[in-house]
Amino acid sequence: MLAPPASMAQSDIGPDETNDFDEAVFTPASQMEVDGADEAAFDPDAPFVTHFRPVVEPLGPDLSDLDLRVPDHAVDLEAFEPPLESTDVLKDLGAGVASYYGRRFHGRRTANGERFNMNALTAAHRTLPFGSKVRVINPRNGREVTVRINDRGPFTGGRVIDLSRAAAERIGLIKRGHVRVELELIGT
């Protein structure tokens, strides 16, 4: 384990900084050759960390025969894109009036037993199975949201779905309180 130079007092490490001497080998800047630079470029008043640069050391003799090639079946996580959820419409549920519910019910139990979260993209429907995914489209502005059914309702006549406040905000329904929407079942 490397120890910090004697010139570095513990007070030189700020409260949000960590001492990384266990993880890397450092070469003092005064011993490094910098292209086109001379010793005048060394600033003794600069923060301590700027005087050091990580050094990559060769593998030891016990690891020299280690094969570091990436196997053909390896997945490049930088280029990997997970498959998107299917957005194929399973069934057109027609059109109707949507409303929303929020603060007054926030934290109460829904019909499926979970706590209602007005900030989640959920909704109440009279007959669809819990967990169903429904795309709700506001034809007045073209905005849409996908919600998960987790409650029963609405219990006001003429309404087909009650959206959480977050879902209602996404389709622009908060100001009016209710709006005619189109519904599509996209998953169960």
N, C-alpha and C. Protein backbone atom coordinates (compact mmCIF):
# COMPACT_ATOMS: atom_id res chain seq x y z
N MET A 1 0.84 -1.17 0.00
CA MET A 1 0.00 0.00 0.00
C MET A 1 0.89 1.23 0.00
N LEU A 2 0.56 2.18 -0.85
CA LEU A 2 1.32 3.41 -0.91
C LEU A 2 0.82 4.39 0.13
N ALA A 3 1.68 5.14 0.66
CA ALA A 3 1.30 6.17 1.62
C ALA A 3 1.46 7.52 0.96
N PRO A 4 0.67 8.50 1.36
CA PRO A 4 0.83 9.83 0.77
C PRO A 4 2.17 10.42 1.17
N PRO A 5 2.72 11.29 0.32
CA PRO A 5 3.99 11.92 0.67
C PRO A 5 3.86 12.69 1.98
N ALA A 6 4.98 12.84 2.66
CA ALA A 6 4.98 13.53 3.94
C ALA A 6 4.52 14.97 3.79
N SER A 7 4.72 15.55 2.59
CA SER A 7 4.33 16.94 2.39
C SER A 7 2.82 17.12 2.35
N MET A 8 2.06 16.02 2.25
CA MET A 8 0.61 16.12 2.17
C MET A 8 0.01 15.88 3.54
N ALA A 9 -0.53 16.90 4.11
CA ALA A 9 -1.18 16.77 5.41
C ALA A 9 -2.59 16.25 5.20
N GLN A 10 -3.17 15.64 6.22
CA GLN A 10 -4.55 15.13 6.13
C GLN A 10 -5.50 16.27 5.80
N SER A 11 -5.21 17.47 6.22
CA SER A 11 -6.10 18.60 5.96
C SER A 11 -6.14 18.96 4.48
N ASP A 12 -5.17 18.47 3.67
CA ASP A 12 -5.18 18.75 2.24
C ASP A 12 -6.29 18.00 1.52
N ILE A 13 -6.86 16.97 2.14
CA ILE A 13 -7.94 16.21 1.54
C ILE A 13 -9.24 16.83 2.00
N GLY A 14 -10.04 17.28 1.04
CA GLY A 14 -11.30 17.93 1.38
C GLY A 14 -12.30 16.93 1.94
N PRO A 15 -13.41 17.42 2.50
CA PRO A 15 -14.41 16.53 3.10
C PRO A 15 -15.10 15.62 2.10
N ASP A 16 -15.16 16.04 0.83
CA ASP A 16 -15.83 15.22 -0.18
C ASP A 16 -14.86 14.38 -0.99
N GLU A 17 -13.59 14.46 -0.71
CA GLU A 17 -12.60 13.72 -1.47
C GLU A 17 -12.19 12.47 -0.71
N THR A 18 -11.71 11.51 -1.46
CA THR A 18 -11.24 10.29 -0.81
C THR A 18 -9.77 10.11 -1.13
N ASN A 19 -9.10 9.33 -0.33
CA ASN A 19 -7.71 9.04 -0.54
C ASN A 19 -7.62 7.76 -1.36
N ASP A 20 -7.21 7.85 -2.61
CA ASP A 20 -7.20 6.71 -3.52
C ASP A 20 -5.84 6.05 -3.63
N PHE A 21 -4.99 6.15 -2.63
CA PHE A 21 -3.66 5.59 -2.74
C PHE A 21 -3.66 4.08 -2.82
N ASP A 22 -4.76 3.43 -2.37
CA ASP A 22 -4.82 1.98 -2.43
C ASP A 22 -5.10 1.49 -3.84
N GLU A 23 -5.67 2.32 -4.70
CA GLU A 23 -6.18 1.86 -5.99
C GLU A 23 -5.28 2.16 -7.17
N ALA A 24 -4.36 3.07 -7.08
CA ALA A 24 -3.56 3.42 -8.24
C ALA A 24 -2.13 3.71 -7.83
N VAL A 25 -1.24 3.59 -8.78
CA VAL A 25 0.16 3.92 -8.56
C VAL A 25 0.38 5.27 -9.23
N PHE A 26 0.97 6.22 -8.52
CA PHE A 26 1.15 7.56 -9.05
C PHE A 26 2.62 7.86 -9.24
N THR A 27 2.89 8.62 -10.26
CA THR A 27 4.24 9.10 -10.51
C THR A 27 4.23 10.59 -10.26
N PRO A 28 5.09 11.11 -9.39
CA PRO A 28 5.10 12.54 -9.15
C PRO A 28 5.34 13.31 -10.44
N ALA A 29 4.63 14.42 -10.60
CA ALA A 29 4.74 15.22 -11.82
C ALA A 29 6.17 15.70 -12.02
N SER A 30 6.89 15.91 -10.91
CA SER A 30 8.27 16.38 -11.04
C SER A 30 9.17 15.34 -11.69
N GLN A 31 8.75 14.03 -11.70
CA GLN A 31 9.53 12.97 -12.31
C GLN A 31 9.02 12.59 -13.69
N MET A 32 7.91 13.21 -14.15
CA MET A 32 7.33 12.87 -15.44
C MET A 32 7.92 13.75 -16.52
N GLU A 33 8.05 13.18 -17.70
CA GLU A 33 8.47 13.97 -18.84
C GLU A 33 7.22 14.39 -19.59
N VAL A 34 7.07 15.67 -19.79
CA VAL A 34 5.91 16.19 -20.49
C VAL A 34 6.41 16.78 -21.79
N ASP A 35 5.79 16.38 -22.93
CA ASP A 35 6.21 16.86 -24.24
C ASP A 35 6.13 18.39 -24.30
N GLY A 36 7.23 19.02 -24.67
CA GLY A 36 7.24 20.45 -24.89
C GLY A 36 7.15 21.27 -23.61
N ALA A 37 7.23 20.65 -22.45
CA ALA A 37 7.12 21.41 -21.20
C ALA A 37 8.46 21.45 -20.52
N ASP A 38 8.66 22.47 -19.74
CA ASP A 38 9.89 22.54 -18.96
C ASP A 38 9.53 22.59 -17.48
N GLU A 39 10.53 22.65 -16.65
CA GLU A 39 10.28 22.63 -15.22
C GLU A 39 9.53 23.85 -14.74
N ALA A 40 9.54 24.93 -15.53
CA ALA A 40 8.83 26.14 -15.13
C ALA A 40 7.32 25.90 -15.11
N ALA A 41 6.83 24.88 -15.81
CA ALA A 41 5.40 24.58 -15.85
C ALA A 41 4.93 23.95 -14.53
N PHE A 42 5.84 23.43 -13.73
CA PHE A 42 5.47 22.81 -12.46
C PHE A 42 5.04 23.90 -11.49
N ASP A 43 3.82 23.80 -10.97
CA ASP A 43 3.28 24.81 -10.05
C ASP A 43 3.17 24.20 -8.66
N PRO A 44 4.04 24.58 -7.74
CA PRO A 44 3.98 23.99 -6.39
C PRO A 44 2.73 24.40 -5.61
N ASP A 45 2.04 25.44 -6.05
CA ASP A 45 0.84 25.88 -5.35
C ASP A 45 -0.43 25.22 -5.89
N ALA A 46 -0.30 24.41 -6.94
CA ALA A 46 -1.47 23.72 -7.50
C ALA A 46 -1.93 22.65 -6.53
N PRO A 47 -3.21 22.25 -6.59
CA PRO A 47 -3.69 21.18 -5.70
C PRO A 47 -2.83 19.94 -5.83
N PHE A 48 -2.69 19.22 -4.73
CA PHE A 48 -1.81 18.06 -4.65
C PHE A 48 -2.08 17.04 -5.75
N VAL A 49 -3.35 16.76 -6.02
CA VAL A 49 -3.71 15.71 -6.97
C VAL A 49 -3.22 16.02 -8.38
N THR A 50 -3.12 17.29 -8.75
CA THR A 50 -2.69 17.63 -10.10
C THR A 50 -1.22 17.31 -10.35
N HIS A 51 -0.46 17.02 -9.30
CA HIS A 51 0.95 16.69 -9.47
C HIS A 51 1.17 15.21 -9.79
N PHE A 52 0.10 14.44 -9.89
CA PHE A 52 0.23 13.01 -10.11
C PHE A 52 -0.62 12.57 -11.29
N ARG A 53 -0.19 11.51 -11.94
CA ARG A 53 -0.90 10.95 -13.07
C ARG A 53 -0.91 9.43 -12.90
N PRO A 54 -2.09 8.79 -13.10
CA PRO A 54 -2.12 7.33 -12.97
C PRO A 54 -1.18 6.66 -13.97
N VAL A 55 -0.54 5.58 -13.55
CA VAL A 55 0.38 4.84 -14.40
C VAL A 55 -0.15 3.42 -14.54
N VAL A 56 -0.24 2.95 -15.77
CA VAL A 56 -0.67 1.58 -16.01
C VAL A 56 0.59 0.73 -16.04
N GLU A 57 0.66 -0.23 -15.14
CA GLU A 57 1.83 -1.08 -15.07
C GLU A 57 1.57 -2.40 -15.79
N PRO A 58 2.60 -3.02 -16.35
CA PRO A 58 2.41 -4.31 -17.04
C PRO A 58 1.98 -5.38 -16.04
N LEU A 59 1.36 -6.43 -16.57
CA LEU A 59 0.93 -7.54 -15.72
C LEU A 59 2.15 -8.24 -15.13
N GLY A 60 2.00 -8.75 -13.94
CA GLY A 60 3.08 -9.47 -13.29
C GLY A 60 3.35 -10.79 -13.98
N PRO A 61 4.43 -11.48 -13.63
CA PRO A 61 4.81 -12.73 -14.30
C PRO A 61 3.75 -13.82 -14.15
N ASP A 62 2.99 -13.81 -13.06
CA ASP A 62 2.00 -14.85 -12.86
C ASP A 62 0.76 -14.62 -13.74
N LEU A 63 0.59 -13.44 -14.32
CA LEU A 63 -0.56 -13.14 -15.17
C LEU A 63 -0.17 -12.92 -16.63
N SER A 64 1.10 -13.11 -16.96
CA SER A 64 1.57 -12.79 -18.31
C SER A 64 0.94 -13.68 -19.38
N ASP A 65 0.51 -14.89 -19.04
CA ASP A 65 -0.09 -15.78 -20.03
C ASP A 65 -1.62 -15.67 -20.07
N LEU A 66 -2.17 -14.68 -19.38
CA LEU A 66 -3.62 -14.46 -19.34
C LEU A 66 -4.11 -13.95 -20.69
N ASP A 67 -5.15 -14.57 -21.24
CA ASP A 67 -5.71 -14.17 -22.53
C ASP A 67 -6.71 -13.04 -22.27
N LEU A 68 -6.40 -11.84 -22.74
CA LEU A 68 -7.23 -10.66 -22.49
C LEU A 68 -8.16 -10.34 -23.66
N ARG A 69 -8.22 -11.23 -24.65
CA ARG A 69 -9.11 -10.98 -25.78
C ARG A 69 -10.56 -11.16 -25.35
N VAL A 70 -11.44 -10.37 -25.96
CA VAL A 70 -12.87 -10.46 -25.65
C VAL A 70 -13.46 -11.63 -26.42
N PRO A 71 -14.17 -12.53 -25.75
CA PRO A 71 -14.76 -13.66 -26.46
C PRO A 71 -15.84 -13.19 -27.46
N ASP A 72 -16.05 -14.01 -28.50
CA ASP A 72 -17.02 -13.66 -29.55
C ASP A 72 -18.43 -13.51 -29.01
N HIS A 73 -18.78 -14.25 -27.96
CA HIS A 73 -20.15 -14.22 -27.45
C HIS A 73 -20.37 -13.09 -26.44
N ALA A 74 -19.35 -12.28 -26.17
CA ALA A 74 -19.50 -11.18 -25.21
C ALA A 74 -20.41 -10.09 -25.77
N VAL A 75 -21.13 -9.43 -24.89
CA VAL A 75 -22.04 -8.36 -25.29
C VAL A 75 -21.40 -7.03 -24.95
N ASP A 76 -21.35 -6.13 -25.93
CA ASP A 76 -20.84 -4.79 -25.71
C ASP A 76 -21.94 -3.96 -25.08
N LEU A 77 -21.84 -3.70 -23.78
CA LEU A 77 -22.90 -3.00 -23.06
C LEU A 77 -23.03 -1.55 -23.49
N GLU A 78 -22.00 -0.98 -24.11
CA GLU A 78 -22.10 0.38 -24.62
C GLU A 78 -23.01 0.44 -25.84
N ALA A 79 -23.01 -0.61 -26.65
CA ALA A 79 -23.80 -0.61 -27.87
C ALA A 79 -25.12 -1.36 -27.72
N PHE A 80 -25.31 -2.05 -26.61
CA PHE A 80 -26.49 -2.87 -26.40
C PHE A 80 -27.69 -2.01 -26.07
N GLU A 81 -28.79 -2.24 -26.75
CA GLU A 81 -30.05 -1.57 -26.44
C GLU A 81 -31.06 -2.64 -26.09
N PRO A 82 -31.61 -2.58 -24.87
CA PRO A 82 -32.58 -3.61 -24.48
C PRO A 82 -33.83 -3.52 -25.35
N PRO A 83 -34.49 -4.65 -25.55
CA PRO A 83 -35.70 -4.62 -26.38
C PRO A 83 -36.76 -3.75 -25.72
N LEU A 84 -37.45 -2.99 -26.54
CA LEU A 84 -38.52 -2.15 -26.05
C LEU A 84 -39.75 -2.99 -25.78
N GLU A 85 -40.57 -2.51 -24.84
CA GLU A 85 -41.82 -3.21 -24.59
C GLU A 85 -42.67 -3.14 -25.85
N SER A 86 -43.40 -4.19 -26.10
CA SER A 86 -44.25 -4.22 -27.26
C SER A 86 -45.33 -3.16 -27.12
N THR A 87 -45.52 -2.38 -28.17
CA THR A 87 -46.57 -1.37 -28.16
C THR A 87 -47.65 -1.72 -29.17
N ASP A 88 -47.68 -3.00 -29.58
CA ASP A 88 -48.71 -3.45 -30.50
C ASP A 88 -50.06 -3.39 -29.80
N VAL A 89 -51.04 -2.90 -30.50
CA VAL A 89 -52.38 -2.79 -29.93
C VAL A 89 -53.02 -4.17 -29.94
N LEU A 90 -53.38 -4.66 -28.74
CA LEU A 90 -54.06 -5.94 -28.64
C LEU A 90 -55.54 -5.78 -28.93
N LYS A 91 -56.11 -4.62 -28.49
CA LYS A 91 -57.53 -4.40 -28.69
C LYS A 91 -57.82 -2.91 -28.61
N ASP A 92 -58.62 -2.43 -29.53
CA ASP A 92 -59.08 -1.05 -29.48
C ASP A 92 -60.24 -1.00 -28.49
N LEU A 93 -60.11 -0.21 -27.44
CA LEU A 93 -61.13 -0.14 -26.41
C LEU A 93 -62.14 0.98 -26.67
N GLY A 94 -61.98 1.69 -27.77
CA GLY A 94 -62.93 2.74 -28.12
C GLY A 94 -62.58 4.06 -27.47
N ALA A 95 -63.58 4.94 -27.42
CA ALA A 95 -63.38 6.28 -26.89
C ALA A 95 -64.36 6.51 -25.74
N GLY A 96 -64.03 7.49 -24.93
CA GLY A 96 -64.89 7.85 -23.81
C GLY A 96 -64.27 8.99 -23.05
N VAL A 97 -64.88 9.35 -21.94
CA VAL A 97 -64.41 10.48 -21.15
C VAL A 97 -63.49 9.97 -20.03
N ALA A 98 -62.35 10.63 -19.92
CA ALA A 98 -61.39 10.32 -18.85
C ALA A 98 -61.39 11.45 -17.85
N SER A 99 -61.18 11.10 -16.59
CA SER A 99 -61.00 12.09 -15.53
C SER A 99 -59.76 11.65 -14.75
N TYR A 100 -59.43 12.37 -13.69
CA TYR A 100 -58.26 11.98 -12.91
C TYR A 100 -58.56 12.12 -11.42
N TYR A 101 -57.75 11.42 -10.63
CA TYR A 101 -57.83 11.56 -9.19
C TYR A 101 -56.43 11.68 -8.64
N GLY A 102 -56.28 12.44 -7.56
CA GLY A 102 -54.94 12.75 -7.09
C GLY A 102 -54.81 12.87 -5.59
N ARG A 103 -54.57 14.08 -5.12
CA ARG A 103 -54.17 14.32 -3.73
C ARG A 103 -55.07 13.67 -2.69
N ARG A 104 -56.37 13.76 -2.87
CA ARG A 104 -57.29 13.24 -1.86
C ARG A 104 -57.13 11.73 -1.65
N PHE A 105 -56.72 11.01 -2.70
CA PHE A 105 -56.59 9.55 -2.62
C PHE A 105 -55.15 9.08 -2.48
N HIS A 106 -54.20 10.01 -2.56
CA HIS A 106 -52.78 9.66 -2.49
C HIS A 106 -52.47 8.91 -1.19
N GLY A 107 -51.87 7.72 -1.32
CA GLY A 107 -51.50 6.91 -0.17
C GLY A 107 -52.56 5.91 0.27
N ARG A 108 -53.78 6.06 -0.23
CA ARG A 108 -54.84 5.09 0.12
C ARG A 108 -54.65 3.81 -0.68
N ARG A 109 -55.25 2.74 -0.20
CA ARG A 109 -55.16 1.45 -0.90
C ARG A 109 -56.05 1.46 -2.13
N THR A 110 -55.52 0.88 -3.22
CA THR A 110 -56.31 0.72 -4.44
C THR A 110 -57.00 -0.64 -4.39
N ALA A 111 -57.83 -0.92 -5.37
CA ALA A 111 -58.57 -2.17 -5.38
C ALA A 111 -57.67 -3.40 -5.47
N ASN A 112 -56.47 -3.24 -6.05
CA ASN A 112 -55.57 -4.40 -6.13
C ASN A 112 -54.67 -4.52 -4.90
N GLY A 113 -54.83 -3.63 -3.91
CA GLY A 113 -54.11 -3.73 -2.65
C GLY A 113 -52.89 -2.85 -2.52
N GLU A 114 -52.40 -2.28 -3.61
CA GLU A 114 -51.24 -1.40 -3.49
C GLU A 114 -51.68 0.00 -3.09
N ARG A 115 -50.74 0.79 -2.65
CA ARG A 115 -51.06 2.17 -2.28
C ARG A 115 -51.10 3.04 -3.53
N PHE A 116 -52.11 3.91 -3.60
CA PHE A 116 -52.23 4.80 -4.74
C PHE A 116 -51.15 5.86 -4.68
N ASN A 117 -50.45 6.04 -5.79
CA ASN A 117 -49.41 7.06 -5.92
C ASN A 117 -49.83 7.97 -7.06
N MET A 118 -50.19 9.19 -6.74
CA MET A 118 -50.67 10.11 -7.77
C MET A 118 -49.57 10.49 -8.76
N ASN A 119 -48.31 10.19 -8.42
CA ASN A 119 -47.18 10.51 -9.31
C ASN A 119 -46.79 9.34 -10.21
N ALA A 120 -47.48 8.21 -10.08
CA ALA A 120 -47.21 7.04 -10.93
C ALA A 120 -48.16 7.07 -12.12
N LEU A 121 -47.80 6.36 -13.17
CA LEU A 121 -48.64 6.30 -14.36
C LEU A 121 -49.59 5.11 -14.24
N THR A 122 -50.66 5.31 -13.47
CA THR A 122 -51.64 4.26 -13.21
C THR A 122 -53.03 4.79 -13.51
N ALA A 123 -54.00 3.88 -13.48
CA ALA A 123 -55.38 4.28 -13.78
C ALA A 123 -56.36 3.28 -13.16
N ALA A 124 -57.62 3.72 -13.10
CA ALA A 124 -58.71 2.87 -12.64
C ALA A 124 -59.63 2.60 -13.82
N HIS A 125 -60.05 1.34 -13.96
CA HIS A 125 -60.99 0.94 -15.01
C HIS A 125 -61.96 -0.06 -14.39
N ARG A 126 -63.19 -0.07 -14.88
CA ARG A 126 -64.21 -0.93 -14.27
C ARG A 126 -63.99 -2.42 -14.49
N THR A 127 -63.49 -2.82 -15.67
CA THR A 127 -63.46 -4.24 -16.00
C THR A 127 -62.12 -4.82 -16.40
N LEU A 128 -61.18 -4.02 -16.84
CA LEU A 128 -59.89 -4.57 -17.30
C LEU A 128 -59.14 -5.22 -16.15
N PRO A 129 -58.43 -6.32 -16.43
CA PRO A 129 -57.65 -6.99 -15.36
C PRO A 129 -56.56 -6.07 -14.80
N PHE A 130 -56.29 -6.22 -13.51
CA PHE A 130 -55.20 -5.46 -12.90
C PHE A 130 -53.90 -5.80 -13.62
N GLY A 131 -53.08 -4.80 -13.81
CA GLY A 131 -51.80 -4.99 -14.50
C GLY A 131 -51.88 -4.74 -15.99
N SER A 132 -53.09 -4.60 -16.53
CA SER A 132 -53.23 -4.32 -17.96
C SER A 132 -52.58 -2.99 -18.30
N LYS A 133 -51.96 -2.92 -19.47
CA LYS A 133 -51.36 -1.68 -19.95
C LYS A 133 -52.30 -1.08 -20.99
N VAL A 134 -52.64 0.19 -20.78
CA VAL A 134 -53.58 0.87 -21.66
C VAL A 134 -52.94 2.15 -22.16
N ARG A 135 -53.00 2.36 -23.48
CA ARG A 135 -52.55 3.62 -24.06
C ARG A 135 -53.76 4.55 -24.09
N VAL A 136 -53.59 5.73 -23.49
CA VAL A 136 -54.66 6.73 -23.45
C VAL A 136 -54.22 7.89 -24.34
N ILE A 137 -55.04 8.22 -25.34
CA ILE A 137 -54.69 9.25 -26.32
C ILE A 137 -55.69 10.39 -26.21
N ASN A 138 -55.17 11.60 -26.09
CA ASN A 138 -56.01 12.79 -26.11
C ASN A 138 -56.04 13.31 -27.54
N PRO A 139 -57.14 13.11 -28.28
CA PRO A 139 -57.16 13.52 -29.69
C PRO A 139 -57.13 15.04 -29.88
N ARG A 140 -57.45 15.80 -28.85
CA ARG A 140 -57.45 17.26 -28.98
C ARG A 140 -56.04 17.81 -29.15
N ASN A 141 -55.05 17.17 -28.52
CA ASN A 141 -53.68 17.67 -28.63
C ASN A 141 -52.70 16.60 -29.13
N GLY A 142 -53.17 15.37 -29.33
CA GLY A 142 -52.31 14.30 -29.85
C GLY A 142 -51.40 13.68 -28.81
N ARG A 143 -51.46 14.13 -27.58
CA ARG A 143 -50.58 13.57 -26.54
C ARG A 143 -51.14 12.24 -26.05
N GLU A 144 -50.22 11.35 -25.64
CA GLU A 144 -50.63 10.03 -25.17
C GLU A 144 -49.79 9.60 -23.99
N VAL A 145 -50.33 8.65 -23.23
CA VAL A 145 -49.63 8.10 -22.08
C VAL A 145 -50.03 6.63 -21.95
N THR A 146 -49.10 5.81 -21.48
CA THR A 146 -49.40 4.41 -21.21
C THR A 146 -49.50 4.25 -19.70
N VAL A 147 -50.63 3.68 -19.26
CA VAL A 147 -50.89 3.52 -17.83
C VAL A 147 -51.09 2.04 -17.51
N ARG A 148 -50.91 1.72 -16.22
CA ARG A 148 -51.15 0.37 -15.73
C ARG A 148 -52.41 0.41 -14.88
N ILE A 149 -53.32 -0.51 -15.13
CA ILE A 149 -54.57 -0.56 -14.36
C ILE A 149 -54.29 -1.17 -12.99
N ASN A 150 -54.60 -0.41 -11.92
CA ASN A 150 -54.37 -0.91 -10.57
C ASN A 150 -55.56 -0.63 -9.64
N ASP A 151 -56.66 -0.12 -10.20
CA ASP A 151 -57.80 0.24 -9.36
C ASP A 151 -59.09 0.07 -10.15
N ARG A 152 -60.21 0.12 -9.44
CA ARG A 152 -61.53 0.04 -10.07
C ARG A 152 -62.16 1.42 -10.07
N GLY A 153 -62.96 1.68 -11.08
CA GLY A 153 -63.63 2.96 -11.24
C GLY A 153 -63.57 3.32 -12.71
N PRO A 154 -63.99 4.46 -13.09
CA PRO A 154 -64.59 5.53 -12.29
C PRO A 154 -66.04 5.21 -11.94
N PHE A 155 -66.50 5.84 -10.89
CA PHE A 155 -67.85 5.60 -10.42
C PHE A 155 -68.77 6.78 -10.72
N THR A 156 -68.31 7.67 -11.57
CA THR A 156 -69.14 8.78 -12.05
C THR A 156 -69.65 8.41 -13.43
N GLY A 157 -70.93 8.56 -13.66
CA GLY A 157 -71.54 8.18 -14.93
C GLY A 157 -70.89 8.89 -16.11
N GLY A 158 -70.79 8.17 -17.21
CA GLY A 158 -70.25 8.74 -18.44
C GLY A 158 -68.74 8.72 -18.54
N ARG A 159 -68.04 8.29 -17.52
CA ARG A 159 -66.57 8.23 -17.55
C ARG A 159 -66.13 6.79 -17.77
N VAL A 160 -65.03 6.60 -18.54
CA VAL A 160 -64.56 5.24 -18.81
C VAL A 160 -63.26 4.91 -18.09
N ILE A 161 -62.48 5.92 -17.70
CA ILE A 161 -61.20 5.67 -17.05
C ILE A 161 -60.86 6.84 -16.14
N ASP A 162 -60.28 6.53 -14.99
CA ASP A 162 -59.75 7.54 -14.06
C ASP A 162 -58.24 7.42 -14.08
N LEU A 163 -57.56 8.49 -14.43
CA LEU A 163 -56.10 8.50 -14.51
C LEU A 163 -55.50 9.06 -13.23
N SER A 164 -54.27 8.65 -12.94
CA SER A 164 -53.53 9.28 -11.85
C SER A 164 -53.20 10.71 -12.29
N ARG A 165 -52.86 11.54 -11.33
CA ARG A 165 -52.55 12.94 -11.67
C ARG A 165 -51.39 13.03 -12.66
N ALA A 166 -50.34 12.20 -12.47
CA ALA A 166 -49.18 12.24 -13.37
C ALA A 166 -49.59 11.89 -14.80
N ALA A 167 -50.44 10.88 -14.96
CA ALA A 167 -50.90 10.49 -16.30
C ALA A 167 -51.76 11.60 -16.90
N ALA A 168 -52.60 12.22 -16.08
CA ALA A 168 -53.45 13.30 -16.57
C ALA A 168 -52.61 14.49 -17.04
N GLU A 169 -51.54 14.78 -16.32
CA GLU A 169 -50.65 15.88 -16.73
C GLU A 169 -50.02 15.59 -18.08
N ARG A 170 -49.64 14.35 -18.31
CA ARG A 170 -48.98 13.98 -19.57
C ARG A 170 -49.86 14.22 -20.79
N ILE A 171 -51.17 14.05 -20.64
CA ILE A 171 -52.04 14.24 -21.81
C ILE A 171 -52.78 15.58 -21.77
N GLY A 172 -52.46 16.42 -20.81
CA GLY A 172 -53.05 17.76 -20.76
C GLY A 172 -54.48 17.79 -20.29
N LEU A 173 -54.81 17.06 -19.25
CA LEU A 173 -56.18 16.96 -18.79
C LEU A 173 -56.43 17.67 -17.46
N ILE A 174 -55.39 18.14 -16.80
CA ILE A 174 -55.52 18.74 -15.47
C ILE A 174 -56.42 19.98 -15.49
N LYS A 175 -56.21 20.87 -16.42
CA LYS A 175 -56.94 22.13 -16.43
C LYS A 175 -58.44 21.92 -16.61
N ARG A 176 -58.82 21.04 -17.51
CA ARG A 176 -60.24 20.79 -17.79
C ARG A 176 -60.89 19.85 -16.78
N GLY A 177 -60.10 18.91 -16.23
CA GLY A 177 -60.65 17.96 -15.27
C GLY A 177 -61.17 16.69 -15.91
N HIS A 178 -61.63 16.78 -17.13
CA HIS A 178 -62.06 15.60 -17.88
C HIS A 178 -61.94 15.93 -19.37
N VAL A 179 -61.75 14.90 -20.17
CA VAL A 179 -61.60 15.09 -21.61
C VAL A 179 -61.93 13.79 -22.31
N ARG A 180 -62.38 13.89 -23.54
CA ARG A 180 -62.66 12.70 -24.35
C ARG A 180 -61.34 12.11 -24.82
N VAL A 181 -61.17 10.79 -24.63
CA VAL A 181 -59.91 10.12 -24.98
C VAL A 181 -60.22 8.85 -25.78
N GLU A 182 -59.18 8.35 -26.41
CA GLU A 182 -59.23 7.06 -27.09
C GLU A 182 -58.37 6.10 -26.28
N LEU A 183 -58.85 4.85 -26.14
CA LEU A 183 -58.16 3.85 -25.33
C LEU A 183 -57.75 2.66 -26.18
N GLU A 184 -56.53 2.17 -25.95
CA GLU A 184 -56.05 0.97 -26.64
C GLU A 184 -55.39 0.06 -25.61
N LEU A 185 -55.78 -1.18 -25.61
CA LEU A 185 -55.15 -2.18 -24.74
C LEU A 185 -53.88 -2.63 -25.42
N ILE A 186 -52.73 -2.47 -24.74
CA ILE A 186 -51.46 -2.86 -25.37
C ILE A 186 -50.74 -3.95 -24.61
N GLY A 187 -51.28 -4.38 -23.48
CA GLY A 187 -50.65 -5.47 -22.74
C GLY A 187 -51.48 -5.87 -21.53
N THR A 188 -51.35 -7.15 -21.13
CA THR A 188 -52.07 -7.62 -19.94
C THR A 188 -51.10 -8.24 -18.97
